Amino acid sequence: MSALWVYVLFIVAGIAVGGSYSMWKINKLASGVLLAIAVLAAVAGILRLM
């Protein structure tokens, strides 16, 4: 079950980074929020690995 959470967290981080990149020219605030979510998901995934 722990491995599943790690996969989900990294998938969410990847999708959020892609959304942040595609939204950069349209809305900088929403892009920043998505980037923050991506960073938090990636950090949570790394911490779950430890």
N, C-alpha and C. Protein backbone atom coordinates (compact mmCIF):
# COMPACT_ATOMS: atom_id res chain seq x y z
N MET A 1 0.82 -1.20 0.00
CA MET A 1 0.00 0.00 0.00
C MET A 1 0.87 1.26 0.00
N SER A 2 2.01 1.20 0.66
CA SER A 2 2.90 2.36 0.70
C SER A 2 3.45 2.68 -0.68
N ALA A 3 3.75 1.66 -1.45
CA ALA A 3 4.26 1.89 -2.80
C ALA A 3 3.20 2.55 -3.67
N LEU A 4 1.95 2.20 -3.46
CA LEU A 4 0.86 2.81 -4.22
C LEU A 4 0.78 4.31 -3.93
N TRP A 5 0.92 4.69 -2.67
CA TRP A 5 0.88 6.11 -2.33
C TRP A 5 2.03 6.87 -2.96
N VAL A 6 3.21 6.26 -3.01
CA VAL A 6 4.36 6.91 -3.62
C VAL A 6 4.09 7.14 -5.11
N TYR A 7 3.57 6.12 -5.80
CA TYR A 7 3.24 6.27 -7.22
C TYR A 7 2.21 7.37 -7.42
N VAL A 8 1.17 7.38 -6.60
CA VAL A 8 0.12 8.38 -6.73
C VAL A 8 0.67 9.79 -6.50
N LEU A 9 1.51 9.95 -5.50
CA LEU A 9 2.07 11.27 -5.21
C LEU A 9 2.94 11.78 -6.36
N PHE A 10 3.75 10.90 -6.94
CA PHE A 10 4.59 11.33 -8.05
C PHE A 10 3.77 11.58 -9.32
N ILE A 11 2.71 10.82 -9.54
CA ILE A 11 1.84 11.07 -10.68
C ILE A 11 1.13 12.41 -10.52
N VAL A 12 0.64 12.70 -9.32
CA VAL A 12 -0.01 13.99 -9.06
C VAL A 12 0.99 15.13 -9.26
N ALA A 13 2.22 14.94 -8.81
CA ALA A 13 3.24 15.97 -8.99
C ALA A 13 3.50 16.21 -10.47
N GLY A 14 3.59 15.17 -11.25
CA GLY A 14 3.83 15.31 -12.69
C GLY A 14 2.69 16.01 -13.40
N ILE A 15 1.47 15.64 -13.07
CA ILE A 15 0.30 16.29 -13.69
C ILE A 15 0.23 17.75 -13.28
N ALA A 16 0.52 18.06 -12.03
CA ALA A 16 0.47 19.44 -11.57
C ALA A 16 1.56 20.28 -12.24
N VAL A 17 2.74 19.72 -12.45
CA VAL A 17 3.79 20.47 -13.14
C VAL A 17 3.39 20.74 -14.58
N GLY A 18 2.82 19.76 -15.24
CA GLY A 18 2.35 19.96 -16.61
C GLY A 18 1.26 21.01 -16.70
N GLY A 19 0.33 20.98 -15.77
CA GLY A 19 -0.73 21.98 -15.74
C GLY A 19 -0.19 23.37 -15.43
N SER A 20 0.78 23.43 -14.55
CA SER A 20 1.39 24.71 -14.21
C SER A 20 2.11 25.30 -15.41
N TYR A 21 2.82 24.47 -16.14
CA TYR A 21 3.55 24.93 -17.32
C TYR A 21 2.60 25.42 -18.42
N SER A 22 1.51 24.69 -18.63
CA SER A 22 0.58 25.08 -19.68
C SER A 22 -0.26 26.30 -19.29
N MET A 23 -0.40 26.58 -18.00
CA MET A 23 -1.21 27.69 -17.53
C MET A 23 -0.38 28.96 -17.31
N TRP A 24 0.92 28.90 -17.48
CA TRP A 24 1.81 30.00 -17.14
C TRP A 24 1.43 31.29 -17.85
N LYS A 25 1.11 31.23 -19.15
CA LYS A 25 0.80 32.45 -19.90
C LYS A 25 -0.61 32.96 -19.64
N ILE A 26 -1.51 32.11 -19.18
CA ILE A 26 -2.90 32.49 -18.99
C ILE A 26 -3.12 33.12 -17.60
N ASN A 27 -2.68 32.42 -16.56
CA ASN A 27 -2.96 32.87 -15.20
C ASN A 27 -1.77 32.50 -14.31
N LYS A 28 -1.00 33.50 -13.94
CA LYS A 28 0.21 33.24 -13.15
C LYS A 28 -0.10 32.76 -11.74
N LEU A 29 -1.19 33.24 -11.15
CA LEU A 29 -1.54 32.83 -9.79
C LEU A 29 -1.91 31.35 -9.74
N ALA A 30 -2.76 30.92 -10.66
CA ALA A 30 -3.13 29.50 -10.69
C ALA A 30 -1.93 28.63 -11.03
N SER A 31 -1.05 29.14 -11.87
CA SER A 31 0.17 28.40 -12.20
C SER A 31 1.05 28.23 -10.96
N GLY A 32 1.15 29.27 -10.15
CA GLY A 32 1.93 29.18 -8.92
C GLY A 32 1.33 28.22 -7.92
N VAL A 33 0.00 28.20 -7.84
CA VAL A 33 -0.68 27.27 -6.93
C VAL A 33 -0.43 25.83 -7.37
N LEU A 34 -0.56 25.58 -8.66
CA LEU A 34 -0.30 24.23 -9.16
C LEU A 34 1.16 23.82 -8.95
N LEU A 35 2.07 24.76 -9.11
CA LEU A 35 3.47 24.45 -8.88
C LEU A 35 3.73 24.14 -7.41
N ALA A 36 3.08 24.86 -6.51
CA ALA A 36 3.22 24.58 -5.08
C ALA A 36 2.67 23.20 -4.73
N ILE A 37 1.54 22.84 -5.34
CA ILE A 37 0.98 21.50 -5.12
C ILE A 37 1.94 20.44 -5.63
N ALA A 38 2.56 20.70 -6.78
CA ALA A 38 3.51 19.74 -7.34
C ALA A 38 4.71 19.55 -6.43
N VAL A 39 5.23 20.65 -5.90
CA VAL A 39 6.39 20.55 -5.00
C VAL A 39 6.01 19.79 -3.73
N LEU A 40 4.86 20.10 -3.17
CA LEU A 40 4.44 19.39 -1.95
C LEU A 40 4.22 17.90 -2.21
N ALA A 41 3.63 17.55 -3.34
CA ALA A 41 3.42 16.14 -3.66
C ALA A 41 4.74 15.42 -3.88
N ALA A 42 5.68 16.07 -4.53
CA ALA A 42 6.99 15.45 -4.75
C ALA A 42 7.74 15.26 -3.43
N VAL A 43 7.69 16.24 -2.56
CA VAL A 43 8.35 16.13 -1.26
C VAL A 43 7.68 15.03 -0.43
N ALA A 44 6.36 14.96 -0.47
CA ALA A 44 5.66 13.91 0.27
C ALA A 44 6.04 12.52 -0.29
N GLY A 45 6.17 12.41 -1.59
CA GLY A 45 6.58 11.13 -2.19
C GLY A 45 7.99 10.73 -1.76
N ILE A 46 8.89 11.71 -1.73
CA ILE A 46 10.25 11.42 -1.30
C ILE A 46 10.29 11.03 0.17
N LEU A 47 9.51 11.73 0.99
CA LEU A 47 9.48 11.38 2.42
C LEU A 47 8.87 10.01 2.66
N ARG A 48 7.89 9.61 1.81
CA ARG A 48 7.30 8.27 1.95
C ARG A 48 8.32 7.18 1.61
N LEU A 49 9.28 7.50 0.74
CA LEU A 49 10.31 6.51 0.38
C LEU A 49 11.29 6.27 1.52
N MET A 50 11.46 7.25 2.37
CA MET A 50 12.45 7.11 3.46
C MET A 50 11.94 6.29 4.59
